[in-house]
Amino acid sequence: RKTPNEIALNILLAGLTLVFLVVVVALKPFADFAGTDV
């Protein structure tokens, strides 16, 4: 079973992944607005 520290690190990694996912998804409309196709 995952240890408490391992679980905490997994939560941190999942949080970072979610943040970057939101940022990348937001880049698409931003690029369209700037007239660049990504």
PDB file of all heavy atoms in Angstrom:
ATOM      1  N   ARG A   1       0.847  -1.184   0.000  1.00  0.00           N
ATOM      2  CA  ARG A   1       0.000   0.000   0.000  1.00  0.00           C
ATOM      3  C   ARG A   1       0.888   1.240   0.000  1.00  0.00           C
ATOM      4  O   ARG A   1       1.964   1.246   0.583  1.00  0.00           O
ATOM      5  CB  ARG A   1      -0.904   0.004   1.240  1.00  0.00           C
ATOM      6  CG  ARG A   1      -1.869  -1.171   1.275  1.00  0.00           C
ATOM      7  CD  ARG A   1      -2.729  -1.115   2.506  1.00  0.00           C
ATOM      8  NE  ARG A   1      -3.657  -2.227   2.563  1.00  0.00           N
ATOM      9  CZ  ARG A   1      -4.512  -2.435   3.556  1.00  0.00           C
ATOM     10  NH1 ARG A   1      -4.541  -1.609   4.576  1.00  0.00           N
ATOM     11  NH2 ARG A   1      -5.321  -3.478   3.525  1.00  0.00           N
ATOM     12  N   LYS A   2       0.389   2.270  -0.642  1.00  0.00           N
ATOM     13  CA  LYS A   2       1.174   3.501  -0.692  1.00  0.00           C
ATOM     14  C   LYS A   2       1.311   4.088   0.707  1.00  0.00           C
ATOM     15  O   LYS A   2       0.377   4.082   1.496  1.00  0.00           O
ATOM     16  CB  LYS A   2       0.514   4.510  -1.633  1.00  0.00           C
ATOM     17  CG  LYS A   2       0.554   4.072  -3.099  1.00  0.00           C
ATOM     18  CD  LYS A   2      -0.104   5.101  -4.002  1.00  0.00           C
ATOM     19  CE  LYS A   2      -0.030   4.662  -5.470  1.00  0.00           C
ATOM     20  NZ  LYS A   2      -0.692   5.638  -6.368  1.00  0.00           N
ATOM     21  N   THR A   3       2.510   4.595   0.976  1.00  0.00           N
ATOM     22  CA  THR A   3       2.783   5.182   2.275  1.00  0.00           C
ATOM     23  C   THR A   3       2.223   6.599   2.327  1.00  0.00           C
ATOM     24  O   THR A   3       1.915   7.201   1.293  1.00  0.00           O
ATOM     25  CB  THR A   3       4.294   5.219   2.523  1.00  0.00           C
ATOM     26  OG1 THR A   3       4.894   6.076   1.537  1.00  0.00           O
ATOM     27  CG2 THR A   3       4.895   3.835   2.406  1.00  0.00           C
ATOM     28  N   PRO A   4       2.076   7.184   3.532  1.00  0.00           N
ATOM     29  CA  PRO A   4       1.553   8.556   3.634  1.00  0.00           C
ATOM     30  C   PRO A   4       2.345   9.564   2.813  1.00  0.00           C
ATOM     31  O   PRO A   4       1.762  10.413   2.132  1.00  0.00           O
ATOM     32  CB  PRO A   4       1.654   8.840   5.140  1.00  0.00           C
ATOM     33  CG  PRO A   4       1.530   7.503   5.778  1.00  0.00           C
ATOM     34  CD  PRO A   4       2.228   6.556   4.850  1.00  0.00           C
ATOM     35  N   ASN A   5       3.690   9.492   2.871  1.00  0.00           N
ATOM     36  CA  ASN A   5       4.498  10.428   2.088  1.00  0.00           C
ATOM     37  C   ASN A   5       4.323  10.204   0.593  1.00  0.00           C
ATOM     38  O   ASN A   5       4.299  11.153  -0.202  1.00  0.00           O
ATOM     39  CB  ASN A   5       5.982  10.284   2.452  1.00  0.00           C
ATOM     40  CG  ASN A   5       6.308  10.900   3.791  1.00  0.00           C
ATOM     41  OD1 ASN A   5       5.499  11.631   4.359  1.00  0.00           O
ATOM     42  ND2 ASN A   5       7.477  10.594   4.309  1.00  0.00           N
ATOM     43  N   GLU A   6       4.197   8.931   0.204  1.00  0.00           N
ATOM     44  CA  GLU A   6       4.004   8.603  -1.206  1.00  0.00           C
ATOM     45  C   GLU A   6       2.648   9.114  -1.681  1.00  0.00           C
ATOM     46  O   GLU A   6       2.515   9.639  -2.790  1.00  0.00           O
ATOM     47  CB  GLU A   6       4.104   7.092  -1.392  1.00  0.00           C
ATOM     48  CG  GLU A   6       4.263   6.662  -2.836  1.00  0.00           C
ATOM     49  CD  GLU A   6       4.498   5.173  -2.956  1.00  0.00           C
ATOM     50  OE1 GLU A   6       4.746   4.520  -1.920  1.00  0.00           O
ATOM     51  OE2 GLU A   6       4.428   4.662  -4.090  1.00  0.00           O
ATOM     52  N   ILE A   7       1.628   8.972  -0.836  1.00  0.00           N
ATOM     53  CA  ILE A   7       0.294   9.475  -1.180  1.00  0.00           C
ATOM     54  C   ILE A   7       0.329  10.987  -1.316  1.00  0.00           C
ATOM     55  O   ILE A   7      -0.246  11.561  -2.247  1.00  0.00           O
ATOM     56  CB  ILE A   7      -0.724   9.044  -0.107  1.00  0.00           C
ATOM     57  CG1 ILE A   7      -0.940   7.522  -0.163  1.00  0.00           C
ATOM     58  CG2 ILE A   7      -2.055   9.766  -0.302  1.00  0.00           C
ATOM     59  CD1 ILE A   7      -1.781   6.991   0.972  1.00  0.00           C
ATOM     60  N   ALA A   8       1.022  11.648  -0.367  1.00  0.00           N
ATOM     61  CA  ALA A   8       1.117  13.111  -0.419  1.00  0.00           C
ATOM     62  C   ALA A   8       1.817  13.565  -1.700  1.00  0.00           C
ATOM     63  O   ALA A   8       1.385  14.533  -2.350  1.00  0.00           O
ATOM     64  CB  ALA A   8       1.871  13.622   0.806  1.00  0.00           C
ATOM     65  N   LEU A   9       2.903  12.860  -2.077  1.00  0.00           N
ATOM     66  CA  LEU A   9       3.614  13.218  -3.305  1.00  0.00           C
ATOM     67  C   LEU A   9       2.747  12.956  -4.534  1.00  0.00           C
ATOM     68  O   LEU A   9       2.763  13.743  -5.486  1.00  0.00           O
ATOM     69  CB  LEU A   9       4.921  12.431  -3.386  1.00  0.00           C
ATOM     70  CG  LEU A   9       5.865  12.795  -4.539  1.00  0.00           C
ATOM     71  CD1 LEU A   9       6.171  14.292  -4.554  1.00  0.00           C
ATOM     72  CD2 LEU A   9       7.158  11.988  -4.448  1.00  0.00           C
ATOM     73  N   ASN A  10       1.978  11.879  -4.506  1.00  0.00           N
ATOM     74  CA  ASN A  10       1.057  11.597  -5.613  1.00  0.00           C
ATOM     75  C   ASN A  10       0.016  12.694  -5.760  1.00  0.00           C
ATOM     76  O   ASN A  10      -0.339  13.088  -6.868  1.00  0.00           O
ATOM     77  CB  ASN A  10       0.366  10.250  -5.384  1.00  0.00           C
ATOM     78  CG  ASN A  10       1.034   9.121  -6.140  1.00  0.00           C
ATOM     79  OD1 ASN A  10       1.301   9.235  -7.325  1.00  0.00           O
ATOM     80  ND2 ASN A  10       1.320   8.041  -5.446  1.00  0.00           N
ATOM     81  N   ILE A  11      -0.490  13.182  -4.623  1.00  0.00           N
ATOM     82  CA  ILE A  11      -1.479  14.275  -4.653  1.00  0.00           C
ATOM     83  C   ILE A  11      -0.849  15.529  -5.240  1.00  0.00           C
ATOM     84  O   ILE A  11      -1.467  16.245  -6.046  1.00  0.00           O
ATOM     85  CB  ILE A  11      -2.022  14.538  -3.240  1.00  0.00           C
ATOM     86  CG1 ILE A  11      -2.864  13.342  -2.771  1.00  0.00           C
ATOM     87  CG2 ILE A  11      -2.860  15.814  -3.203  1.00  0.00           C
ATOM     88  CD1 ILE A  11      -3.305  13.431  -1.322  1.00  0.00           C
ATOM     89  N   LEU A  12       0.407  15.809  -4.830  1.00  0.00           N
ATOM     90  CA  LEU A  12       1.106  16.977  -5.371  1.00  0.00           C
ATOM     91  C   LEU A  12       1.290  16.844  -6.877  1.00  0.00           C
ATOM     92  O   LEU A  12       1.042  17.803  -7.633  1.00  0.00           O
ATOM     93  CB  LEU A  12       2.458  17.127  -4.681  1.00  0.00           C
ATOM     94  CG  LEU A  12       3.380  18.230  -5.233  1.00  0.00           C
ATOM     95  CD1 LEU A  12       2.729  19.600  -5.071  1.00  0.00           C
ATOM     96  CD2 LEU A  12       4.747  18.193  -4.550  1.00  0.00           C
ATOM     97  N   LEU A  13       1.725  15.668  -7.337  1.00  0.00           N
ATOM     98  CA  LEU A  13       1.931  15.451  -8.772  1.00  0.00           C
ATOM     99  C   LEU A  13       0.612  15.572  -9.536  1.00  0.00           C
ATOM    100  O   LEU A  13       0.568  16.141 -10.635  1.00  0.00           O
ATOM    101  CB  LEU A  13       2.556  14.077  -9.010  1.00  0.00           C
ATOM    102  CG  LEU A  13       3.948  13.843  -8.409  1.00  0.00           C
ATOM    103  CD1 LEU A  13       4.437  12.443  -8.740  1.00  0.00           C
ATOM    104  CD2 LEU A  13       4.937  14.886  -8.907  1.00  0.00           C
ATOM    105  N   ALA A  14      -0.458  15.026  -8.942  1.00  0.00           N
ATOM    106  CA  ALA A  14      -1.772  15.131  -9.587  1.00  0.00           C
ATOM    107  C   ALA A  14      -2.221  16.587  -9.659  1.00  0.00           C
ATOM    108  O   ALA A  14      -2.800  17.027 -10.666  1.00  0.00           O
ATOM    109  CB  ALA A  14      -2.796  14.296  -8.823  1.00  0.00           C
ATOM    110  N   GLY A  15      -1.938  17.347  -8.584  1.00  0.00           N
ATOM    111  CA  GLY A  15      -2.296  18.767  -8.579  1.00  0.00           C
ATOM    112  C   GLY A  15      -1.549  19.551  -9.643  1.00  0.00           C
ATOM    113  O   GLY A  15      -2.135  20.380 -10.354  1.00  0.00           O
ATOM    114  N   LEU A  16      -0.232  19.292  -9.763  1.00  0.00           N
ATOM    115  CA  LEU A  16       0.553  19.961 -10.801  1.00  0.00           C
ATOM    116  C   LEU A  16       0.050  19.592 -12.195  1.00  0.00           C
ATOM    117  O   LEU A  16      -0.044  20.458 -13.085  1.00  0.00           O
ATOM    118  CB  LEU A  16       2.027  19.575 -10.671  1.00  0.00           C
ATOM    119  CG  LEU A  16       2.787  20.145  -9.466  1.00  0.00           C
ATOM    120  CD1 LEU A  16       4.182  19.539  -9.379  1.00  0.00           C
ATOM    121  CD2 LEU A  16       2.876  21.665  -9.571  1.00  0.00           C
ATOM    122  N   THR A  17      -0.293  18.323 -12.368  1.00  0.00           N
ATOM    123  CA  THR A  17      -0.803  17.874 -13.669  1.00  0.00           C
ATOM    124  C   THR A  17      -2.106  18.587 -14.010  1.00  0.00           C
ATOM    125  O   THR A  17      -2.312  19.023 -15.158  1.00  0.00           O
ATOM    126  CB  THR A  17      -1.031  16.349 -13.642  1.00  0.00           C
ATOM    127  OG1 THR A  17       0.205  15.707 -13.345  1.00  0.00           O
ATOM    128  CG2 THR A  17      -1.548  15.853 -14.980  1.00  0.00           C
ATOM    129  N   LEU A  18      -2.976  18.724 -13.018  1.00  0.00           N
ATOM    130  CA  LEU A  18      -4.259  19.407 -13.244  1.00  0.00           C
ATOM    131  C   LEU A  18      -4.039  20.874 -13.596  1.00  0.00           C
ATOM    132  O   LEU A  18      -4.694  21.416 -14.510  1.00  0.00           O
ATOM    133  CB  LEU A  18      -5.131  19.285 -11.992  1.00  0.00           C
ATOM    134  CG  LEU A  18      -6.522  19.917 -12.065  1.00  0.00           C
ATOM    135  CD1 LEU A  18      -7.347  19.266 -13.179  1.00  0.00           C
ATOM    136  CD2 LEU A  18      -7.239  19.795 -10.730  1.00  0.00           C
ATOM    137  N   VAL A  19      -3.110  21.531 -12.888  1.00  0.00           N
ATOM    138  CA  VAL A  19      -2.826  22.948 -13.166  1.00  0.00           C
ATOM    139  C   VAL A  19      -2.323  23.119 -14.596  1.00  0.00           C
ATOM    140  O   VAL A  19      -2.797  23.991 -15.344  1.00  0.00           O
ATOM    141  CB  VAL A  19      -1.785  23.491 -12.156  1.00  0.00           C
ATOM    142  CG1 VAL A  19      -1.275  24.860 -12.604  1.00  0.00           C
ATOM    143  CG2 VAL A  19      -2.391  23.586 -10.769  1.00  0.00           C
ATOM    144  N   PHE A  20      -1.351  22.285 -14.999  1.00  0.00           N
ATOM    145  CA  PHE A  20      -0.800  22.397 -16.353  1.00  0.00           C
ATOM    146  C   PHE A  20      -1.841  22.015 -17.410  1.00  0.00           C
ATOM    147  O   PHE A  20      -1.830  22.561 -18.520  1.00  0.00           O
ATOM    148  CB  PHE A  20       0.442  21.527 -16.498  1.00  0.00           C
ATOM    149  CG  PHE A  20       1.651  22.086 -15.791  1.00  0.00           C
ATOM    150  CD1 PHE A  20       2.368  21.321 -14.887  1.00  0.00           C
ATOM    151  CD2 PHE A  20       2.072  23.389 -16.039  1.00  0.00           C
ATOM    152  CE1 PHE A  20       3.474  21.840 -14.242  1.00  0.00           C
ATOM    153  CE2 PHE A  20       3.178  23.915 -15.402  1.00  0.00           C
ATOM    154  CZ  PHE A  20       3.887  23.141 -14.495  1.00  0.00           C
ATOM    155  N   LEU A  21      -2.743  21.098 -17.068  1.00  0.00           N
ATOM    156  CA  LEU A  21      -3.807  20.732 -17.996  1.00  0.00           C
ATOM    157  C   LEU A  21      -4.715  21.924 -18.265  1.00  0.00           C
ATOM    158  O   LEU A  21      -5.069  22.211 -19.422  1.00  0.00           O
ATOM    159  CB  LEU A  21      -4.610  19.553 -17.422  1.00  0.00           C
ATOM    160  CG  LEU A  21      -5.787  19.053 -18.270  1.00  0.00           C
ATOM    161  CD1 LEU A  21      -5.287  18.536 -19.614  1.00  0.00           C
ATOM    162  CD2 LEU A  21      -6.553  17.963 -17.529  1.00  0.00           C
ATOM    163  N   VAL A  22      -5.075  22.641 -17.202  1.00  0.00           N
ATOM    164  CA  VAL A  22      -5.918  23.830 -17.354  1.00  0.00           C
ATOM    165  C   VAL A  22      -5.195  24.891 -18.181  1.00  0.00           C
ATOM    166  O   VAL A  22      -5.787  25.534 -19.065  1.00  0.00           O
ATOM    167  CB  VAL A  22      -6.304  24.386 -15.966  1.00  0.00           C
ATOM    168  CG1 VAL A  22      -7.003  25.737 -16.104  1.00  0.00           C
ATOM    169  CG2 VAL A  22      -7.193  23.402 -15.222  1.00  0.00           C
ATOM    170  N   VAL A  23      -3.896  25.076 -17.902  1.00  0.00           N
ATOM    171  CA  VAL A  23      -3.116  26.085 -18.628  1.00  0.00           C
ATOM    172  C   VAL A  23      -3.053  25.755 -20.115  1.00  0.00           C
ATOM    173  O   VAL A  23      -3.266  26.624 -20.977  1.00  0.00           O
ATOM    174  CB  VAL A  23      -1.689  26.175 -18.041  1.00  0.00           C
ATOM    175  CG1 VAL A  23      -0.792  27.032 -18.940  1.00  0.00           C
ATOM    176  CG2 VAL A  23      -1.733  26.754 -16.632  1.00  0.00           C
ATOM    177  N   VAL A  24      -2.779  24.481 -20.439  1.00  0.00           N
ATOM    178  CA  VAL A  24      -2.647  24.079 -21.846  1.00  0.00           C
ATOM    179  C   VAL A  24      -3.979  24.187 -22.570  1.00  0.00           C
ATOM    180  O   VAL A  24      -4.040  24.641 -23.720  1.00  0.00           O
ATOM    181  CB  VAL A  24      -2.081  22.648 -21.934  1.00  0.00           C
ATOM    182  CG1 VAL A  24      -2.151  22.132 -23.363  1.00  0.00           C
ATOM    183  CG2 VAL A  24      -0.633  22.632 -21.443  1.00  0.00           C
ATOM    184  N   VAL A  25      -5.060  23.776 -21.902  1.00  0.00           N
ATOM    185  CA  VAL A  25      -6.388  23.889 -22.529  1.00  0.00           C
ATOM    186  C   VAL A  25      -6.715  25.351 -22.807  1.00  0.00           C
ATOM    187  O   VAL A  25      -7.295  25.695 -23.852  1.00  0.00           O
ATOM    188  CB  VAL A  25      -7.460  23.244 -21.624  1.00  0.00           C
ATOM    189  CG1 VAL A  25      -8.862  23.588 -22.130  1.00  0.00           C
ATOM    190  CG2 VAL A  25      -7.274  21.735 -21.574  1.00  0.00           C
ATOM    191  N   ALA A  26      -6.323  26.227 -21.880  1.00  0.00           N
ATOM    192  CA  ALA A  26      -6.600  27.658 -22.059  1.00  0.00           C
ATOM    193  C   ALA A  26      -5.769  28.269 -23.180  1.00  0.00           C
ATOM    194  O   ALA A  26      -6.115  29.340 -23.705  1.00  0.00           O
ATOM    195  CB  ALA A  26      -6.335  28.402 -20.747  1.00  0.00           C
ATOM    196  N   LEU A  27      -4.661  27.631 -23.568  1.00  0.00           N
ATOM    197  CA  LEU A  27      -3.806  28.183 -24.619  1.00  0.00           C
ATOM    198  C   LEU A  27      -4.479  28.142 -25.994  1.00  0.00           C
ATOM    199  O   LEU A  27      -4.184  28.978 -26.858  1.00  0.00           O
ATOM    200  CB  LEU A  27      -2.480  27.412 -24.678  1.00  0.00           C
ATOM    201  CG  LEU A  27      -1.455  27.734 -23.592  1.00  0.00           C
ATOM    202  CD1 LEU A  27      -0.234  26.845 -23.746  1.00  0.00           C
ATOM    203  CD2 LEU A  27      -1.049  29.206 -23.656  1.00  0.00           C
ATOM    204  N   LYS A  28      -5.356  27.164 -26.200  1.00  0.00           N
ATOM    205  CA  LYS A  28      -5.986  27.025 -27.513  1.00  0.00           C
ATOM    206  C   LYS A  28      -6.805  28.260 -27.894  1.00  0.00           C
ATOM    207  O   LYS A  28      -6.564  28.867 -28.955  1.00  0.00           O
ATOM    208  CB  LYS A  28      -6.839  25.751 -27.530  1.00  0.00           C
ATOM    209  CG  LYS A  28      -7.562  25.505 -28.842  1.00  0.00           C
ATOM    210  CD  LYS A  28      -6.602  25.328 -30.007  1.00  0.00           C
ATOM    211  CE  LYS A  28      -7.334  24.997 -31.297  1.00  0.00           C
ATOM    212  NZ  LYS A  28      -6.432  24.981 -32.469  1.00  0.00           N
ATOM    213  N   PRO A  29      -7.774  28.698 -27.071  1.00  0.00           N
ATOM    214  CA  PRO A  29      -8.509  29.916 -27.442  1.00  0.00           C
ATOM    215  C   PRO A  29      -7.620  31.153 -27.472  1.00  0.00           C
ATOM    216  O   PRO A  29      -7.843  32.068 -28.268  1.00  0.00           O
ATOM    217  CB  PRO A  29      -9.586  30.025 -26.349  1.00  0.00           C
ATOM    218  CG  PRO A  29      -9.107  29.181 -25.224  1.00  0.00           C
ATOM    219  CD  PRO A  29      -8.338  28.084 -25.852  1.00  0.00           C
ATOM    220  N   PHE A  30      -6.586  31.156 -26.596  1.00  0.00           N
ATOM    221  CA  PHE A  30      -5.675  32.292 -26.589  1.00  0.00           C
ATOM    222  C   PHE A  30      -4.907  32.370 -27.912  1.00  0.00           C
ATOM    223  O   PHE A  30      -4.737  33.455 -28.492  1.00  0.00           O
ATOM    224  CB  PHE A  30      -4.706  32.159 -25.413  1.00  0.00           C
ATOM    225  CG  PHE A  30      -3.694  33.266 -25.334  1.00  0.00           C
ATOM    226  CD1 PHE A  30      -4.045  34.518 -24.847  1.00  0.00           C
ATOM    227  CD2 PHE A  30      -2.389  33.074 -25.766  1.00  0.00           C
ATOM    228  CE1 PHE A  30      -3.114  35.537 -24.781  1.00  0.00           C
ATOM    229  CE2 PHE A  30      -1.451  34.084 -25.705  1.00  0.00           C
ATOM    230  CZ  PHE A  30      -1.813  35.326 -25.203  1.00  0.00           C
ATOM    231  N   ALA A  31      -4.451  31.204 -28.412  1.00  0.00           N
ATOM    232  CA  ALA A  31      -3.728  31.179 -29.682  1.00  0.00           C
ATOM    233  C   ALA A  31      -4.641  31.557 -30.838  1.00  0.00           C
ATOM    234  O   ALA A  31      -4.224  32.273 -31.763  1.00  0.00           O
ATOM    235  CB  ALA A  31      -3.133  29.788 -29.904  1.00  0.00           C
ATOM    236  N   ASP A  32      -5.906  31.087 -30.791  1.00  0.00           N
ATOM    237  CA  ASP A  32      -6.864  31.445 -31.840  1.00  0.00           C
ATOM    238  C   ASP A  32      -7.099  32.950 -31.860  1.00  0.00           C
ATOM    239  O   ASP A  32      -7.194  33.569 -32.928  1.00  0.00           O
ATOM    240  CB  ASP A  32      -8.188  30.706 -31.626  1.00  0.00           C
ATOM    241  CG  ASP A  32      -8.050  29.208 -31.849  1.00  0.00           C
ATOM    242  OD1 ASP A  32      -7.066  28.801 -32.510  1.00  0.00           O
ATOM    243  OD2 ASP A  32      -8.911  28.449 -31.346  1.00  0.00           O
ATOM    244  N   PHE A  33      -7.179  33.538 -30.669  1.00  0.00           N
ATOM    245  CA  PHE A  33      -7.391  34.986 -30.580  1.00  0.00           C
ATOM    246  C   PHE A  33      -6.196  35.743 -31.149  1.00  0.00           C
ATOM    247  O   PHE A  33      -6.355  36.794 -31.775  1.00  0.00           O
ATOM    248  CB  PHE A  33      -7.611  35.375 -29.112  1.00  0.00           C
ATOM    249  CG  PHE A  33      -7.760  36.855 -28.898  1.00  0.00           C
ATOM    250  CD1 PHE A  33      -8.953  37.504 -29.196  1.00  0.00           C
ATOM    251  CD2 PHE A  33      -6.695  37.611 -28.408  1.00  0.00           C
ATOM    252  CE1 PHE A  33      -9.075  38.872 -29.001  1.00  0.00           C
ATOM    253  CE2 PHE A  33      -6.816  38.971 -28.220  1.00  0.00           C
ATOM    254  CZ  PHE A  33      -8.019  39.604 -28.514  1.00  0.00           C
ATOM    255  N   ALA A  34      -4.983  35.174 -30.943  1.00  0.00           N
ATOM    256  CA  ALA A  34      -3.771  35.833 -31.447  1.00  0.00           C
ATOM    257  C   ALA A  34      -3.546  35.569 -32.924  1.00  0.00           C
ATOM    258  O   ALA A  34      -2.579  36.071 -33.507  1.00  0.00           O
ATOM    259  CB  ALA A  34      -2.561  35.370 -30.647  1.00  0.00           C
ATOM    260  N   GLY A  35      -4.425  34.776 -33.516  1.00  0.00           N
ATOM    261  CA  GLY A  35      -4.304  34.493 -34.938  1.00  0.00           C
ATOM    262  C   GLY A  35      -3.279  33.429 -35.258  1.00  0.00           C
ATOM    263  O   GLY A  35      -2.797  33.341 -36.389  1.00  0.00           O
ATOM    264  N   THR A  36      -2.928  32.608 -34.263  1.00  0.00           N
ATOM    265  CA  THR A  36      -1.956  31.534 -34.468  1.00  0.00           C
ATOM    266  C   THR A  36      -2.651  30.200 -34.276  1.00  0.00           C
ATOM    267  O   THR A  36      -3.364  30.003 -33.301  1.00  0.00           O
ATOM    268  CB  THR A  36      -0.790  31.651 -33.469  1.00  0.00           C
ATOM    269  OG1 THR A  36      -0.183  32.931 -33.628  1.00  0.00           O
ATOM    270  CG2 THR A  36       0.246  30.567 -33.717  1.00  0.00           C
ATOM    271  N   ASP A  37      -2.401  29.297 -35.182  1.00  0.00           N
ATOM    272  CA  ASP A  37      -3.031  27.979 -35.099  1.00  0.00           C
ATOM    273  C   ASP A  37      -2.066  27.012 -34.416  1.00  0.00           C
ATOM    274  O   ASP A  37      -1.003  26.701 -34.954  1.00  0.00           O
ATOM    275  CB  ASP A  37      -3.393  27.457 -36.489  1.00  0.00           C
ATOM    276  CG  ASP A  37      -4.192  26.160 -36.405  1.00  0.00           C
ATOM    277  OD1 ASP A  37      -4.781  25.926 -35.332  1.00  0.00           O
ATOM    278  OD2 ASP A  37      -4.223  25.414 -37.398  1.00  0.00           O
ATOM    279  N   VAL A  38      -2.429  26.579 -33.205  1.00  0.00           N
ATOM    280  CA  VAL A  38      -1.637  25.592 -32.471  1.00  0.00           C
ATOM    281  C   VAL A  38      -2.400  24.283 -32.521  1.00  0.00           C
ATOM    282  O   VAL A  38      -3.543  24.194 -32.071  1.00  0.00           O
ATOM    283  CB  VAL A  38      -1.405  26.026 -31.009  1.00  0.00           C
ATOM    284  CG1 VAL A  38      -0.591  24.966 -30.273  1.00  0.00           C
ATOM    285  CG2 VAL A  38      -0.692  27.364 -30.956  1.00  0.00           C
TER     286      VAL A  38
END
